[in-house]
Amino acid sequence: MSAAAGRSPSGPCAKAVLALFGSLFLIALLAVPVTTRTARLRQDPGSSLVFKTTYPRKATMFLPSYLAAGSRTKDAAAVRVRSAQWIGTMAVIALLGVFDYVVICRLWKRRRPVPEEA
């Protein structure tokens, strides 16, 4: 029985790639891209007329804050998640992690000389 058979298939390279891209994926999961509505009040000088202008603003919210804001507000359009951007970011991170694992770990493992048993 060879020494490699008793070893786990995930070596230090795979653990390092998983730790790096896992933490990036967790950050992307918890940072939710949202669009909020912002209002601005404006009054012309010498006039008693007040203008209220609402416009969308792109922001990033912490996931629990987004979930709490969605349950608190009565207006469904006040905070909207930009799901395509959110899912796309997580997919890109996952694909880059798999690519780096294949390129760095697998190719590095193939290039290492196998130690001969004496």
N, C-alpha and C. Protein backbone atom coordinates (compact mmCIF):
# COMPACT_ATOMS: atom_id res chain seq x y z
N MET A 1 0.85 -1.17 0.00
CA MET A 1 0.00 0.00 0.00
C MET A 1 0.90 1.23 0.00
N SER A 2 0.59 2.19 -0.85
CA SER A 2 1.43 3.37 -0.95
C SER A 2 1.08 4.37 0.15
N ALA A 3 1.97 5.31 0.34
CA ALA A 3 1.76 6.32 1.37
C ALA A 3 0.67 7.31 0.96
N ALA A 4 0.47 7.48 -0.34
CA ALA A 4 -0.54 8.43 -0.82
C ALA A 4 -1.95 7.88 -0.61
N ALA A 5 -2.11 6.59 -0.49
CA ALA A 5 -3.45 6.01 -0.34
C ALA A 5 -4.05 6.36 1.02
N GLY A 6 -3.24 6.52 2.05
CA GLY A 6 -3.74 6.86 3.37
C GLY A 6 -4.00 8.34 3.55
N ARG A 7 -3.51 9.13 2.62
CA ARG A 7 -3.65 10.58 2.71
C ARG A 7 -4.99 11.03 2.13
N SER A 8 -5.52 12.10 2.69
CA SER A 8 -6.77 12.64 2.17
C SER A 8 -6.52 13.30 0.82
N PRO A 9 -7.48 13.25 -0.10
CA PRO A 9 -7.25 13.82 -1.43
C PRO A 9 -7.12 15.34 -1.42
N SER A 10 -7.63 15.99 -0.39
CA SER A 10 -7.49 17.44 -0.33
C SER A 10 -6.25 17.79 0.48
N GLY A 11 -5.24 18.22 -0.22
CA GLY A 11 -3.99 18.59 0.43
C GLY A 11 -4.00 20.03 0.87
N PRO A 12 -2.84 20.55 1.22
CA PRO A 12 -2.76 21.94 1.70
C PRO A 12 -3.12 22.95 0.61
N CYS A 13 -2.86 22.62 -0.64
CA CYS A 13 -3.20 23.54 -1.74
C CYS A 13 -4.72 23.68 -1.86
N ALA A 14 -5.43 22.57 -1.82
CA ALA A 14 -6.89 22.61 -1.93
C ALA A 14 -7.50 23.32 -0.73
N LYS A 15 -6.94 23.12 0.43
CA LYS A 15 -7.46 23.80 1.62
C LYS A 15 -7.24 25.31 1.54
N ALA A 16 -6.09 25.72 1.01
CA ALA A 16 -5.80 27.15 0.87
C ALA A 16 -6.74 27.80 -0.15
N VAL A 17 -6.97 27.13 -1.28
CA VAL A 17 -7.88 27.66 -2.30
C VAL A 17 -9.30 27.72 -1.75
N LEU A 18 -9.71 26.68 -1.03
CA LEU A 18 -11.05 26.66 -0.45
C LEU A 18 -11.21 27.75 0.61
N ALA A 19 -10.19 27.97 1.41
CA ALA A 19 -10.27 29.02 2.43
C ALA A 19 -10.36 30.40 1.79
N LEU A 20 -9.55 30.65 0.77
CA LEU A 20 -9.55 31.95 0.12
C LEU A 20 -10.88 32.22 -0.59
N PHE A 21 -11.28 31.31 -1.46
CA PHE A 21 -12.49 31.55 -2.23
C PHE A 21 -13.75 31.33 -1.40
N GLY A 22 -13.68 30.52 -0.36
CA GLY A 22 -14.81 30.38 0.54
C GLY A 22 -15.09 31.66 1.31
N SER A 23 -14.03 32.32 1.74
CA SER A 23 -14.23 33.59 2.45
C SER A 23 -14.73 34.67 1.49
N LEU A 24 -14.23 34.69 0.25
CA LEU A 24 -14.74 35.65 -0.74
C LEU A 24 -16.21 35.38 -1.05
N PHE A 25 -16.58 34.10 -1.15
CA PHE A 25 -17.97 33.74 -1.42
C PHE A 25 -18.87 34.15 -0.25
N LEU A 26 -18.39 33.97 0.97
CA LEU A 26 -19.18 34.37 2.14
C LEU A 26 -19.38 35.89 2.17
N ILE A 27 -18.35 36.64 1.83
CA ILE A 27 -18.49 38.09 1.77
C ILE A 27 -19.50 38.48 0.70
N ALA A 28 -19.43 37.84 -0.47
CA ALA A 28 -20.38 38.14 -1.54
C ALA A 28 -21.80 37.73 -1.16
N LEU A 29 -21.93 36.67 -0.38
CA LEU A 29 -23.26 36.23 0.06
C LEU A 29 -23.87 37.21 1.05
N LEU A 30 -23.06 37.74 1.94
CA LEU A 30 -23.57 38.64 2.98
C LEU A 30 -23.71 40.09 2.52
N ALA A 31 -23.05 40.48 1.44
CA ALA A 31 -23.14 41.85 0.92
C ALA A 31 -24.15 41.86 -0.23
N VAL A 32 -25.37 42.23 0.06
CA VAL A 32 -26.46 42.18 -0.90
C VAL A 32 -26.52 43.50 -1.67
N PRO A 33 -26.39 43.45 -3.01
CA PRO A 33 -26.55 44.68 -3.78
C PRO A 33 -28.04 45.03 -3.89
N VAL A 34 -28.41 46.24 -3.49
CA VAL A 34 -29.81 46.65 -3.48
C VAL A 34 -29.96 47.99 -4.19
N THR A 35 -31.18 48.30 -4.52
CA THR A 35 -31.55 49.62 -5.02
C THR A 35 -32.57 50.19 -4.05
N THR A 36 -32.26 51.33 -3.50
CA THR A 36 -33.17 51.98 -2.56
C THR A 36 -33.70 53.26 -3.19
N ARG A 37 -34.82 53.70 -2.68
CA ARG A 37 -35.36 54.98 -3.13
C ARG A 37 -34.96 56.05 -2.14
N THR A 38 -34.43 57.13 -2.67
CA THR A 38 -34.01 58.25 -1.84
C THR A 38 -34.85 59.47 -2.24
N ALA A 39 -35.27 60.21 -1.25
CA ALA A 39 -36.07 61.42 -1.52
C ALA A 39 -35.26 62.65 -1.13
N ARG A 40 -35.46 63.71 -1.91
CA ARG A 40 -34.79 64.97 -1.63
C ARG A 40 -35.83 66.08 -1.70
N LEU A 41 -35.84 66.92 -0.70
CA LEU A 41 -36.75 68.06 -0.67
C LEU A 41 -35.99 69.30 -1.10
N ARG A 42 -36.63 70.09 -1.95
CA ARG A 42 -36.00 71.30 -2.47
C ARG A 42 -37.03 72.42 -2.47
N GLN A 43 -36.58 73.59 -2.07
CA GLN A 43 -37.46 74.77 -2.07
C GLN A 43 -36.71 75.92 -2.73
N ASP A 44 -37.35 76.50 -3.71
CA ASP A 44 -36.74 77.64 -4.39
C ASP A 44 -36.72 78.85 -3.46
N PRO A 45 -35.69 79.70 -3.57
CA PRO A 45 -35.64 80.89 -2.71
C PRO A 45 -36.82 81.83 -3.03
N GLY A 46 -37.45 82.33 -2.00
CA GLY A 46 -38.57 83.23 -2.15
C GLY A 46 -39.88 82.55 -2.50
N SER A 47 -39.93 81.24 -2.42
CA SER A 47 -41.14 80.51 -2.75
C SER A 47 -41.55 79.64 -1.57
N SER A 48 -42.81 79.42 -1.43
CA SER A 48 -43.28 78.53 -0.37
C SER A 48 -43.56 77.12 -0.91
N LEU A 49 -43.27 76.90 -2.18
CA LEU A 49 -43.49 75.61 -2.81
C LEU A 49 -42.30 74.69 -2.54
N VAL A 50 -42.59 73.47 -2.09
CA VAL A 50 -41.55 72.49 -1.79
C VAL A 50 -41.65 71.35 -2.80
N PHE A 51 -40.51 71.02 -3.42
CA PHE A 51 -40.45 69.93 -4.40
C PHE A 51 -39.84 68.70 -3.74
N LYS A 52 -40.50 67.58 -3.89
CA LYS A 52 -39.96 66.33 -3.39
C LYS A 52 -39.57 65.49 -4.60
N THR A 53 -38.30 65.16 -4.70
CA THR A 53 -37.78 64.37 -5.80
C THR A 53 -37.31 63.03 -5.26
N THR A 54 -37.81 61.96 -5.84
CA THR A 54 -37.34 60.62 -5.45
C THR A 54 -36.54 60.05 -6.61
N TYR A 55 -35.47 59.35 -6.28
CA TYR A 55 -34.63 58.74 -7.29
C TYR A 55 -34.01 57.48 -6.70
N PRO A 56 -33.69 56.51 -7.58
CA PRO A 56 -33.07 55.27 -7.09
C PRO A 56 -31.61 55.49 -6.75
N ARG A 57 -31.14 54.73 -5.78
CA ARG A 57 -29.73 54.79 -5.38
C ARG A 57 -29.23 53.37 -5.20
N LYS A 58 -28.13 53.06 -5.84
CA LYS A 58 -27.53 51.73 -5.71
C LYS A 58 -26.71 51.69 -4.43
N ALA A 59 -26.87 50.60 -3.69
CA ALA A 59 -26.16 50.47 -2.42
C ALA A 59 -25.90 48.99 -2.16
N THR A 60 -25.19 48.73 -1.10
CA THR A 60 -24.93 47.37 -0.64
C THR A 60 -25.35 47.28 0.82
N MET A 61 -26.12 46.24 1.13
CA MET A 61 -26.59 46.05 2.50
C MET A 61 -26.13 44.70 3.03
N PHE A 62 -25.94 44.64 4.32
CA PHE A 62 -25.65 43.39 5.01
C PHE A 62 -26.92 42.53 4.95
N LEU A 63 -26.78 41.24 4.69
CA LEU A 63 -27.93 40.36 4.45
C LEU A 63 -29.00 40.44 5.55
N PRO A 64 -28.65 40.35 6.85
CA PRO A 64 -29.70 40.47 7.87
C PRO A 64 -30.38 41.84 7.86
N SER A 65 -29.64 42.90 7.53
CA SER A 65 -30.25 44.23 7.43
C SER A 65 -31.23 44.30 6.28
N TYR A 66 -30.88 43.67 5.16
CA TYR A 66 -31.79 43.64 4.02
C TYR A 66 -33.07 42.88 4.37
N LEU A 67 -32.92 41.74 5.02
CA LEU A 67 -34.10 40.95 5.40
C LEU A 67 -34.97 41.70 6.39
N ALA A 68 -34.36 42.42 7.32
CA ALA A 68 -35.14 43.21 8.29
C ALA A 68 -35.81 44.39 7.60
N ALA A 69 -35.12 45.03 6.65
CA ALA A 69 -35.70 46.18 5.95
C ALA A 69 -36.87 45.73 5.08
N GLY A 70 -36.78 44.57 4.51
CA GLY A 70 -37.87 44.06 3.69
C GLY A 70 -39.10 43.73 4.49
N SER A 71 -38.92 43.31 5.73
CA SER A 71 -40.08 42.96 6.55
C SER A 71 -40.68 44.19 7.24
N ARG A 72 -39.87 45.24 7.44
CA ARG A 72 -40.36 46.45 8.12
C ARG A 72 -41.14 47.37 7.21
N THR A 73 -40.70 47.52 5.98
CA THR A 73 -41.30 48.52 5.09
C THR A 73 -42.63 48.04 4.51
N LYS A 74 -43.54 48.98 4.34
CA LYS A 74 -44.83 48.66 3.75
C LYS A 74 -44.76 48.76 2.23
N ASP A 75 -43.89 49.61 1.73
CA ASP A 75 -43.72 49.79 0.29
C ASP A 75 -42.71 48.76 -0.21
N ALA A 76 -43.15 47.90 -1.11
CA ALA A 76 -42.29 46.82 -1.58
C ALA A 76 -41.14 47.34 -2.45
N ALA A 77 -41.29 48.51 -3.03
CA ALA A 77 -40.25 49.05 -3.92
C ALA A 77 -39.22 49.88 -3.18
N ALA A 78 -39.31 50.01 -1.86
CA ALA A 78 -38.36 50.84 -1.12
C ALA A 78 -36.95 50.25 -1.16
N VAL A 79 -36.84 48.94 -0.98
CA VAL A 79 -35.55 48.26 -1.04
C VAL A 79 -35.72 47.04 -1.94
N ARG A 80 -35.00 47.05 -3.07
CA ARG A 80 -35.09 45.92 -4.00
C ARG A 80 -33.70 45.33 -4.19
N VAL A 81 -33.65 44.03 -4.20
CA VAL A 81 -32.37 43.35 -4.40
C VAL A 81 -32.08 43.30 -5.90
N ARG A 82 -30.82 43.51 -6.26
CA ARG A 82 -30.39 43.34 -7.64
C ARG A 82 -29.85 41.92 -7.75
N SER A 83 -30.78 40.98 -7.95
CA SER A 83 -30.45 39.55 -7.85
C SER A 83 -29.48 39.10 -8.93
N ALA A 84 -29.58 39.61 -10.14
CA ALA A 84 -28.67 39.18 -11.20
C ALA A 84 -27.23 39.52 -10.84
N GLN A 85 -27.00 40.69 -10.29
CA GLN A 85 -25.65 41.08 -9.89
C GLN A 85 -25.18 40.24 -8.71
N TRP A 86 -26.07 39.98 -7.76
CA TRP A 86 -25.72 39.21 -6.58
C TRP A 86 -25.36 37.77 -6.94
N ILE A 87 -26.21 37.12 -7.71
CA ILE A 87 -25.96 35.73 -8.11
C ILE A 87 -24.76 35.66 -9.06
N GLY A 88 -24.65 36.64 -9.95
CA GLY A 88 -23.51 36.66 -10.87
C GLY A 88 -22.18 36.78 -10.15
N THR A 89 -22.12 37.62 -9.13
CA THR A 89 -20.88 37.77 -8.35
C THR A 89 -20.50 36.47 -7.66
N MET A 90 -21.49 35.81 -7.05
CA MET A 90 -21.20 34.55 -6.37
C MET A 90 -20.79 33.46 -7.37
N ALA A 91 -21.41 33.45 -8.55
CA ALA A 91 -21.05 32.45 -9.57
C ALA A 91 -19.63 32.67 -10.09
N VAL A 92 -19.26 33.93 -10.30
CA VAL A 92 -17.91 34.23 -10.77
C VAL A 92 -16.87 33.80 -9.73
N ILE A 93 -17.16 34.06 -8.46
CA ILE A 93 -16.22 33.66 -7.40
C ILE A 93 -16.10 32.14 -7.35
N ALA A 94 -17.22 31.44 -7.47
CA ALA A 94 -17.17 29.96 -7.45
C ALA A 94 -16.41 29.42 -8.66
N LEU A 95 -16.66 29.97 -9.84
CA LEU A 95 -15.95 29.50 -11.04
C LEU A 95 -14.45 29.80 -10.97
N LEU A 96 -14.09 30.97 -10.47
CA LEU A 96 -12.67 31.28 -10.32
C LEU A 96 -12.00 30.36 -9.29
N GLY A 97 -12.74 30.00 -8.25
CA GLY A 97 -12.20 29.08 -7.27
C GLY A 97 -11.94 27.70 -7.86
N VAL A 98 -12.88 27.20 -8.65
CA VAL A 98 -12.69 25.90 -9.31
C VAL A 98 -11.54 25.98 -10.31
N PHE A 99 -11.50 27.06 -11.08
CA PHE A 99 -10.42 27.23 -12.06
C PHE A 99 -9.05 27.28 -11.38
N ASP A 100 -8.95 28.05 -10.31
CA ASP A 100 -7.67 28.13 -9.59
C ASP A 100 -7.30 26.79 -8.97
N TYR A 101 -8.28 26.05 -8.48
CA TYR A 101 -7.99 24.74 -7.92
C TYR A 101 -7.42 23.83 -9.00
N VAL A 102 -8.06 23.82 -10.17
CA VAL A 102 -7.59 22.95 -11.26
C VAL A 102 -6.21 23.38 -11.73
N VAL A 103 -6.03 24.66 -11.95
CA VAL A 103 -4.77 25.14 -12.50
C VAL A 103 -3.64 25.03 -11.48
N ILE A 104 -3.86 25.56 -10.29
CA ILE A 104 -2.78 25.63 -9.32
C ILE A 104 -2.53 24.27 -8.66
N CYS A 105 -3.56 23.67 -8.10
CA CYS A 105 -3.36 22.46 -7.30
C CYS A 105 -3.09 21.23 -8.16
N ARG A 106 -3.91 21.01 -9.17
CA ARG A 106 -3.74 19.80 -9.98
C ARG A 106 -2.47 19.83 -10.80
N LEU A 107 -2.19 20.97 -11.43
CA LEU A 107 -0.97 21.04 -12.22
C LEU A 107 0.26 21.03 -11.34
N TRP A 108 0.19 21.64 -10.17
CA TRP A 108 1.33 21.64 -9.26
C TRP A 108 1.58 20.22 -8.75
N LYS A 109 0.52 19.47 -8.53
CA LYS A 109 0.65 18.10 -8.04
C LYS A 109 1.28 17.21 -9.12
N ARG A 110 0.97 17.46 -10.38
CA ARG A 110 1.53 16.66 -11.47
C ARG A 110 3.01 16.94 -11.68
N ARG A 111 3.45 18.18 -11.46
CA ARG A 111 4.84 18.55 -11.72
C ARG A 111 5.80 18.13 -10.62
N ARG A 112 5.26 17.85 -9.45
CA ARG A 112 6.14 17.44 -8.35
C ARG A 112 6.70 16.04 -8.64
N PRO A 113 7.97 15.86 -8.42
CA PRO A 113 8.53 14.52 -8.61
C PRO A 113 8.05 13.58 -7.50
N VAL A 114 7.72 12.37 -7.90
CA VAL A 114 7.27 11.37 -6.94
C VAL A 114 8.48 10.80 -6.23
N PRO A 115 8.50 10.85 -4.90
CA PRO A 115 9.66 10.31 -4.19
C PRO A 115 9.71 8.78 -4.33
N GLU A 116 10.87 8.31 -4.65
CA GLU A 116 11.03 6.86 -4.82
C GLU A 116 11.30 6.23 -3.46
N GLU A 117 10.68 5.07 -3.26
CA GLU A 117 10.89 4.37 -2.00
C GLU A 117 12.21 3.62 -2.06
N ALA A 118 12.93 3.64 -0.96
CA ALA A 118 14.24 3.02 -0.93
C ALA A 118 14.17 1.56 -0.59
